[in-house]
């Protein structure tokens, strides 16, 4: 279930990530969704959707970090 627009992203993503991070998430999720379509391409018994979400969060974490006080994400310095 790839995402077409940012408003389709899960609520916890939209509410805590800045717009640019949401764009990274959407692009990474959709790419992983296409790449890991076969179960043998995923680790363990992870579903296609679970794998795509993990990849998307990993992509966000390259450029953003979670603020321990607010719980929101901000660009790394």
PDB file of N, CA and C in Angstrom:
ATOM      1  N   UNK A   1       0.816  -1.182   0.000  1.00  0.00           N
ATOM      2  CA  UNK A   1       0.000   0.000   0.000  1.00  0.00           C
ATOM      3  C   UNK A   1       0.866   1.255   0.000  1.00  0.00           C
ATOM      4  N   UNK A   2       1.480   1.542  -1.089  1.00  0.00           N
ATOM      5  CA  UNK A   2       2.306   2.751  -1.172  1.00  0.00           C
ATOM      6  C   UNK A   2       1.473   4.000  -0.903  1.00  0.00           C
ATOM      7  N   UNK A   3       2.150   5.026  -0.455  1.00  0.00           N
ATOM      8  CA  UNK A   3       1.496   6.298  -0.160  1.00  0.00           C
ATOM      9  C   UNK A   3       1.659   7.233  -1.352  1.00  0.00           C
ATOM     10  N   UNK A   4       0.601   7.911  -1.728  1.00  0.00           N
ATOM     11  CA  UNK A   4       0.636   8.840  -2.853  1.00  0.00           C
ATOM     12  C   UNK A   4       0.951  10.268  -2.403  1.00  0.00           C
ATOM     13  N   UNK A   5       0.391  10.648  -1.243  1.00  0.00           N
ATOM     14  CA  UNK A   5       0.564  12.014  -0.746  1.00  0.00           C
ATOM     15  C   UNK A   5       0.856  11.982   0.753  1.00  0.00           C
ATOM     16  N   UNK A   6       1.426  13.066   1.265  1.00  0.00           N
ATOM     17  CA  UNK A   6       1.843  13.121   2.671  1.00  0.00           C
ATOM     18  C   UNK A   6       0.682  12.906   3.641  1.00  0.00           C
ATOM     19  N   UNK A   7      -0.486  13.365   3.290  1.00  0.00           N
ATOM     20  CA  UNK A   7      -1.631  13.222   4.205  1.00  0.00           C
ATOM     21  C   UNK A   7      -2.064  11.768   4.389  1.00  0.00           C
ATOM     22  N   UNK A   8      -1.583  10.872   3.555  1.00  0.00           N
ATOM     23  CA  UNK A   8      -1.893   9.445   3.697  1.00  0.00           C
ATOM     24  C   UNK A   8      -0.962   8.733   4.681  1.00  0.00           C
ATOM     25  N   UNK A   9       0.140   9.379   5.040  1.00  0.00           N
ATOM     26  CA  UNK A   9       1.083   8.758   5.976  1.00  0.00           C
ATOM     27  C   UNK A   9       0.406   8.503   7.316  1.00  0.00           C
ATOM     28  N   UNK A  10       0.910   7.533   8.084  1.00  0.00           N
ATOM     29  CA  UNK A  10       0.342   7.272   9.409  1.00  0.00           C
ATOM     30  C   UNK A  10       0.373   8.533  10.278  1.00  0.00           C
ATOM     31  N   UNK A  11      -0.599   8.658  11.136  1.00  0.00           N
ATOM     32  CA  UNK A  11      -0.734   9.834  11.993  1.00  0.00           C
ATOM     33  C   UNK A  11       0.520  10.098  12.812  1.00  0.00           C
ATOM     34  N   UNK A  12       1.113   9.052  13.377  1.00  0.00           N
ATOM     35  CA  UNK A  12       2.312   9.254  14.209  1.00  0.00           C
ATOM     36  C   UNK A  12       3.490   9.793  13.405  1.00  0.00           C
ATOM     37  N   UNK A  13       3.503   9.565  12.128  1.00  0.00           N
ATOM     38  CA  UNK A  13       4.553  10.112  11.260  1.00  0.00           C
ATOM     39  C   UNK A  13       4.243  11.580  10.969  1.00  0.00           C
ATOM     40  N   UNK A  14       3.040  11.835  10.500  1.00  0.00           N
ATOM     41  CA  UNK A  14       2.640  13.204  10.122  1.00  0.00           C
ATOM     42  C   UNK A  14       2.716  14.191  11.281  1.00  0.00           C
ATOM     43  N   UNK A  15       2.348  13.760  12.469  1.00  0.00           N
ATOM     44  CA  UNK A  15       2.259  14.677  13.606  1.00  0.00           C
ATOM     45  C   UNK A  15       3.601  14.992  14.256  1.00  0.00           C
ATOM     46  N   UNK A  16       4.600  14.166  14.039  1.00  0.00           N
ATOM     47  CA  UNK A  16       5.872  14.362  14.730  1.00  0.00           C
ATOM     48  C   UNK A  16       7.034  14.725  13.817  1.00  0.00           C
ATOM     49  N   UNK A  17       6.901  14.468  12.533  1.00  0.00           N
ATOM     50  CA  UNK A  17       8.004  14.755  11.616  1.00  0.00           C
ATOM     51  C   UNK A  17       7.752  16.059  10.865  1.00  0.00           C
ATOM     52  N   UNK A  18       8.821  16.832  10.637  1.00  0.00           N
ATOM     53  CA  UNK A  18       8.690  18.008   9.780  1.00  0.00           C
ATOM     54  C   UNK A  18       8.349  17.561   8.349  1.00  0.00           C
ATOM     55  N   UNK A  19       7.887  18.493   7.541  1.00  0.00           N
ATOM     56  CA  UNK A  19       7.457  18.166   6.179  1.00  0.00           C
ATOM     57  C   UNK A  19       8.553  17.459   5.387  1.00  0.00           C
ATOM     58  N   UNK A  20       9.773  17.979   5.442  1.00  0.00           N
ATOM     59  CA  UNK A  20      10.856  17.364   4.674  1.00  0.00           C
ATOM     60  C   UNK A  20      11.097  15.918   5.114  1.00  0.00           C
ATOM     61  N   UNK A  21      11.034  15.666   6.398  1.00  0.00           N
ATOM     62  CA  UNK A  21      11.213  14.301   6.907  1.00  0.00           C
ATOM     63  C   UNK A  21      10.069  13.399   6.444  1.00  0.00           C
ATOM     64  N   UNK A  22       8.859  13.945   6.384  1.00  0.00           N
ATOM     65  CA  UNK A  22       7.717  13.172   5.869  1.00  0.00           C
ATOM     66  C   UNK A  22       7.935  12.812   4.407  1.00  0.00           C
ATOM     67  N   UNK A  23       8.501  13.736   3.654  1.00  0.00           N
ATOM     68  CA  UNK A  23       8.795  13.469   2.241  1.00  0.00           C
ATOM     69  C   UNK A  23       9.821  12.351   2.110  1.00  0.00           C
ATOM     70  N   UNK A  24      10.843  12.369   2.964  1.00  0.00           N
ATOM     71  CA  UNK A  24      11.843  11.300   2.980  1.00  0.00           C
ATOM     72  C   UNK A  24      11.168   9.969   3.313  1.00  0.00           C
ATOM     73  N   UNK A  25      10.322   9.984   4.331  1.00  0.00           N
ATOM     74  CA  UNK A  25       9.624   8.778   4.774  1.00  0.00           C
ATOM     75  C   UNK A  25       8.793   8.200   3.629  1.00  0.00           C
ATOM     76  N   UNK A  26       8.004   9.038   2.976  1.00  0.00           N
ATOM     77  CA  UNK A  26       7.129   8.583   1.903  1.00  0.00           C
ATOM     78  C   UNK A  26       7.947   7.950   0.775  1.00  0.00           C
ATOM     79  N   UNK A  27       8.992   8.620   0.361  1.00  0.00           N
ATOM     80  CA  UNK A  27       9.819   8.111  -0.739  1.00  0.00           C
ATOM     81  C   UNK A  27      10.496   6.791  -0.363  1.00  0.00           C
ATOM     82  N   UNK A  28      11.046   6.721   0.838  1.00  0.00           N
ATOM     83  CA  UNK A  28      11.723   5.501   1.285  1.00  0.00           C
ATOM     84  C   UNK A  28      10.744   4.349   1.454  1.00  0.00           C
ATOM     85  N   UNK A  29       9.575   4.633   2.015  1.00  0.00           N
ATOM     86  CA  UNK A  29       8.556   3.591   2.198  1.00  0.00           C
ATOM     87  C   UNK A  29       8.168   3.009   0.843  1.00  0.00           C
ATOM     88  N   UNK A  30       7.845   3.883  -0.101  1.00  0.00           N
ATOM     89  CA  UNK A  30       7.398   3.413  -1.411  1.00  0.00           C
ATOM     90  C   UNK A  30       8.484   2.621  -2.136  1.00  0.00           C
ATOM     91  N   UNK A  31       9.717   3.061  -1.999  1.00  0.00           N
ATOM     92  CA  UNK A  31      10.823   2.345  -2.617  1.00  0.00           C
ATOM     93  C   UNK A  31      10.978   0.952  -2.000  1.00  0.00           C
ATOM     94  N   UNK A  32      10.931   0.882  -0.675  1.00  0.00           N
ATOM     95  CA  UNK A  32      11.061  -0.406   0.015  1.00  0.00           C
ATOM     96  C   UNK A  32       9.865  -1.305  -0.287  1.00  0.00           C
ATOM     97  N   UNK A  33       8.689  -0.719  -0.417  1.00  0.00           N
ATOM     98  CA  UNK A  33       7.488  -1.495  -0.742  1.00  0.00           C
ATOM     99  C   UNK A  33       7.705  -2.238  -2.062  1.00  0.00           C
ATOM    100  N   UNK A  34       8.283  -1.536  -3.028  1.00  0.00           N
ATOM    101  CA  UNK A  34       8.551  -2.155  -4.329  1.00  0.00           C
ATOM    102  C   UNK A  34       9.696  -3.159  -4.254  1.00  0.00           C
ATOM    103  N   UNK A  35      10.735  -2.817  -3.497  1.00  0.00           N
ATOM    104  CA  UNK A  35      11.930  -3.655  -3.446  1.00  0.00           C
ATOM    105  C   UNK A  35      11.704  -4.965  -2.695  1.00  0.00           C
ATOM    106  N   UNK A  36      10.950  -4.927  -1.615  1.00  0.00           N
ATOM    107  CA  UNK A  36      10.786  -6.113  -0.758  1.00  0.00           C
ATOM    108  C   UNK A  36       9.426  -6.769  -0.956  1.00  0.00           C
ATOM    109  N   UNK A  37       9.037  -6.956  -2.199  1.00  0.00           N
ATOM    110  CA  UNK A  37       7.725  -7.525  -2.477  1.00  0.00           C
ATOM    111  C   UNK A  37       7.660  -9.039  -2.248  1.00  0.00           C
ATOM    112  N   UNK A  38       8.797  -9.692  -2.281  1.00  0.00           N
ATOM    113  CA  UNK A  38       8.828 -11.149  -2.073  1.00  0.00           C
ATOM    114  C   UNK A  38       9.305 -11.468  -0.653  1.00  0.00           C
ATOM    115  N   UNK A  39       8.636 -12.395   0.027  1.00  0.00           N
ATOM    116  CA  UNK A  39       8.999 -12.727   1.416  1.00  0.00           C
ATOM    117  C   UNK A  39      10.463 -13.117   1.598  1.00  0.00           C
ATOM    118  N   UNK A  40      11.053 -13.768   0.624  1.00  0.00           N
ATOM    119  CA  UNK A  40      12.451 -14.199   0.773  1.00  0.00           C
ATOM    120  C   UNK A  40      13.425 -13.020   0.742  1.00  0.00           C
ATOM    121  N   UNK A  41      12.952 -11.841   0.363  1.00  0.00           N
ATOM    122  CA  UNK A  41      13.800 -10.655   0.337  1.00  0.00           C
ATOM    123  C   UNK A  41      13.783  -9.905   1.669  1.00  0.00           C
ATOM    124  N   UNK A  42      12.945 -10.359   2.597  1.00  0.00           N
ATOM    125  CA  UNK A  42      12.816  -9.691   3.896  1.00  0.00           C
ATOM    126  C   UNK A  42      13.478 -10.530   4.973  1.00  0.00           C
ATOM    127  N   UNK A  43      13.800  -9.861   6.084  1.00  0.00           N
ATOM    128  CA  UNK A  43      14.392 -10.574   7.220  1.00  0.00           C
ATOM    129  C   UNK A  43      13.302 -11.242   8.050  1.00  0.00           C
ATOM    130  N   UNK A  44      13.585 -12.454   8.471  1.00  0.00           N
ATOM    131  CA  UNK A  44      12.661 -13.177   9.341  1.00  0.00           C
ATOM    132  C   UNK A  44      11.286 -13.305   8.717  1.00  0.00           C
ATOM    133  N   UNK A  45      10.271 -13.121   9.549  1.00  0.00           N
ATOM    134  CA  UNK A  45       8.900 -13.246   9.054  1.00  0.00           C
ATOM    135  C   UNK A  45       8.209 -11.885   8.950  1.00  0.00           C
ATOM    136  N   UNK A  46       8.994 -10.837   8.781  1.00  0.00           N
ATOM    137  CA  UNK A  46       8.448  -9.485   8.681  1.00  0.00           C
ATOM    138  C   UNK A  46       7.572  -9.351   7.438  1.00  0.00           C
ATOM    139  N   UNK A  47       6.474  -8.654   7.590  1.00  0.00           N
ATOM    140  CA  UNK A  47       5.581  -8.420   6.461  1.00  0.00           C
ATOM    141  C   UNK A  47       6.184  -7.370   5.535  1.00  0.00           C
ATOM    142  N   UNK A  48       5.634  -7.277   4.370  1.00  0.00           N
ATOM    143  CA  UNK A  48       6.086  -6.275   3.408  1.00  0.00           C
ATOM    144  C   UNK A  48       5.911  -4.865   3.976  1.00  0.00           C
ATOM    145  N   UNK A  49       4.770  -4.622   4.598  1.00  0.00           N
ATOM    146  CA  UNK A  49       4.501  -3.306   5.173  1.00  0.00           C
ATOM    147  C   UNK A  49       5.439  -2.993   6.333  1.00  0.00           C
ATOM    148  N   UNK A  50       5.652  -3.962   7.216  1.00  0.00           N
ATOM    149  CA  UNK A  50       6.549  -3.766   8.357  1.00  0.00           C
ATOM    150  C   UNK A  50       7.968  -3.442   7.880  1.00  0.00           C
ATOM    151  N   UNK A  51       8.430  -4.156   6.882  1.00  0.00           N
ATOM    152  CA  UNK A  51       9.759  -3.915   6.335  1.00  0.00           C
ATOM    153  C   UNK A  51       9.852  -2.517   5.735  1.00  0.00           C
ATOM    154  N   UNK A  52       8.838  -2.112   4.999  1.00  0.00           N
ATOM    155  CA  UNK A  52       8.848  -0.787   4.374  1.00  0.00           C
ATOM    156  C   UNK A  52       8.872   0.320   5.426  1.00  0.00           C
ATOM    157  N   UNK A  53       8.119   0.147   6.522  1.00  0.00           N
ATOM    158  CA  UNK A  53       8.140   1.142   7.596  1.00  0.00           C
ATOM    159  C   UNK A  53       9.516   1.215   8.261  1.00  0.00           C
ATOM    160  N   UNK A  54      10.148   0.081   8.464  1.00  0.00           N
ATOM    161  CA  UNK A  54      11.487   0.071   9.066  1.00  0.00           C
ATOM    162  C   UNK A  54      12.492   0.799   8.181  1.00  0.00           C
ATOM    163  N   UNK A  55      12.421   0.544   6.898  1.00  0.00           N
ATOM    164  CA  UNK A  55      13.321   1.208   5.953  1.00  0.00           C
ATOM    165  C   UNK A  55      13.065   2.713   5.958  1.00  0.00           C
ATOM    166  N   UNK A  56      11.807   3.097   5.972  1.00  0.00           N
ATOM    167  CA  UNK A  56      11.454   4.520   5.958  1.00  0.00           C
ATOM    168  C   UNK A  56      11.979   5.233   7.202  1.00  0.00           C
ATOM    169  N   UNK A  57      11.803   4.620   8.387  1.00  0.00           N
ATOM    170  CA  UNK A  57      12.320   5.242   9.615  1.00  0.00           C
ATOM    171  C   UNK A  57      13.839   5.345   9.575  1.00  0.00           C
ATOM    172  N   UNK A  58      14.503   4.323   9.048  1.00  0.00           N
ATOM    173  CA  UNK A  58      15.967   4.358   8.945  1.00  0.00           C
ATOM    174  C   UNK A  58      16.411   5.512   8.042  1.00  0.00           C
ATOM    175  N   UNK A  59      15.681   5.747   6.975  1.00  0.00           N
ATOM    176  CA  UNK A  59      16.010   6.850   6.074  1.00  0.00           C
ATOM    177  C   UNK A  59      15.845   8.194   6.771  1.00  0.00           C
ATOM    178  N   UNK A  60      14.789   8.344   7.543  1.00  0.00           N
ATOM    179  CA  UNK A  60      14.553   9.590   8.277  1.00  0.00           C
ATOM    180  C   UNK A  60      15.673   9.822   9.289  1.00  0.00           C
ATOM    181  N   UNK A  61      16.081   8.763   9.972  1.00  0.00           N
ATOM    182  CA  UNK A  61      17.094   8.881  11.028  1.00  0.00           C
ATOM    183  C   UNK A  61      18.470   9.274  10.510  1.00  0.00           C
ATOM    184  N   UNK A  62      18.692   9.188   9.214  1.00  0.00           N
ATOM    185  CA  UNK A  62      19.970   9.635   8.658  1.00  0.00           C
ATOM    186  C   UNK A  62      20.120  11.146   8.755  1.00  0.00           C
ATOM    187  N   UNK A  63      18.999  11.868   8.632  1.00  0.00           N
ATOM    188  CA  UNK A  63      19.036  13.333   8.626  1.00  0.00           C
ATOM    189  C   UNK A  63      18.345  13.994   9.818  1.00  0.00           C
ATOM    190  N   UNK A  64      17.554  13.226  10.555  1.00  0.00           N
ATOM    191  CA  UNK A  64      16.768  13.793  11.655  1.00  0.00           C
ATOM    192  C   UNK A  64      16.994  13.011  12.935  1.00  0.00           C
ATOM    193  N   UNK A  65      16.775  13.702  14.062  1.00  0.00           N
ATOM    194  CA  UNK A  65      16.866  13.040  15.365  1.00  0.00           C
ATOM    195  C   UNK A  65      15.676  13.462  16.217  1.00  0.00           C
ATOM    196  N   UNK A  66      15.297  12.586  17.108  1.00  0.00           N
ATOM    197  CA  UNK A  66      14.153  12.845  17.976  1.00  0.00           C
ATOM    198  C   UNK A  66      14.581  13.709  19.153  1.00  0.00           C
ATOM    199  N   UNK A  67      13.818  14.749  19.418  1.00  0.00           N
ATOM    200  CA  UNK A  67      14.049  15.623  20.565  1.00  0.00           C
ATOM    201  C   UNK A  67      13.509  14.908  21.798  1.00  0.00           C
ATOM    202  N   UNK A  68      14.372  14.652  22.760  1.00  0.00           N
ATOM    203  CA  UNK A  68      13.987  13.911  23.959  1.00  0.00           C
ATOM    204  C   UNK A  68      12.920  14.583  24.790  1.00  0.00           C
ATOM    205  N   UNK A  69      12.842  15.898  24.753  1.00  0.00           N
ATOM    206  CA  UNK A  69      11.868  16.626  25.561  1.00  0.00           C
ATOM    207  C   UNK A  69      10.498  16.699  24.900  1.00  0.00           C
ATOM    208  N   UNK A  70      10.454  17.026  23.625  1.00  0.00           N
ATOM    209  CA  UNK A  70       9.168  17.224  22.948  1.00  0.00           C
ATOM    210  C   UNK A  70       8.660  15.972  22.247  1.00  0.00           C
ATOM    211  N   UNK A  71       9.561  15.059  21.902  1.00  0.00           N
ATOM    212  CA  UNK A  71       9.164  13.871  21.168  1.00  0.00           C
ATOM    213  C   UNK A  71       9.078  14.120  19.665  1.00  0.00           C
ATOM    214  N   UNK A  72       9.301  15.375  19.262  1.00  0.00           N
ATOM    215  CA  UNK A  72       9.276  15.710  17.838  1.00  0.00           C
ATOM    216  C   UNK A  72      10.665  15.514  17.241  1.00  0.00           C
ATOM    217  N   UNK A  73      10.717  15.451  15.929  1.00  0.00           N
ATOM    218  CA  UNK A  73      11.967  15.221  15.231  1.00  0.00           C
ATOM    219  C   UNK A  73      12.488  16.522  14.663  1.00  0.00           C
ATOM    220  N   UNK A  74      13.816  16.660  14.695  1.00  0.00           N
ATOM    221  CA  UNK A  74      14.437  17.873  14.152  1.00  0.00           C
ATOM    222  C   UNK A  74      15.656  17.471  13.335  1.00  0.00           C
ATOM    223  N   UNK A  75      16.024  18.336  12.407  1.00  0.00           N
ATOM    224  CA  UNK A  75      17.158  18.090  11.524  1.00  0.00           C
ATOM    225  C   UNK A  75      18.444  18.019  12.346  1.00  0.00           C
ATOM    226  N   UNK A  76      19.287  17.057  12.020  1.00  0.00           N
ATOM    227  CA  UNK A  76      20.575  16.947  12.699  1.00  0.00           C
ATOM    228  C   UNK A  76      21.460  18.117  12.310  1.00  0.00           C
ATOM    229  N   UNK A  77      22.276  18.545  13.244  1.00  0.00           N
ATOM    230  CA  UNK A  77      23.177  19.669  12.970  1.00  0.00           C
ATOM    231  C   UNK A  77      24.474  19.197  12.380  1.00  0.00           C
TER     232      UNK A  77
END
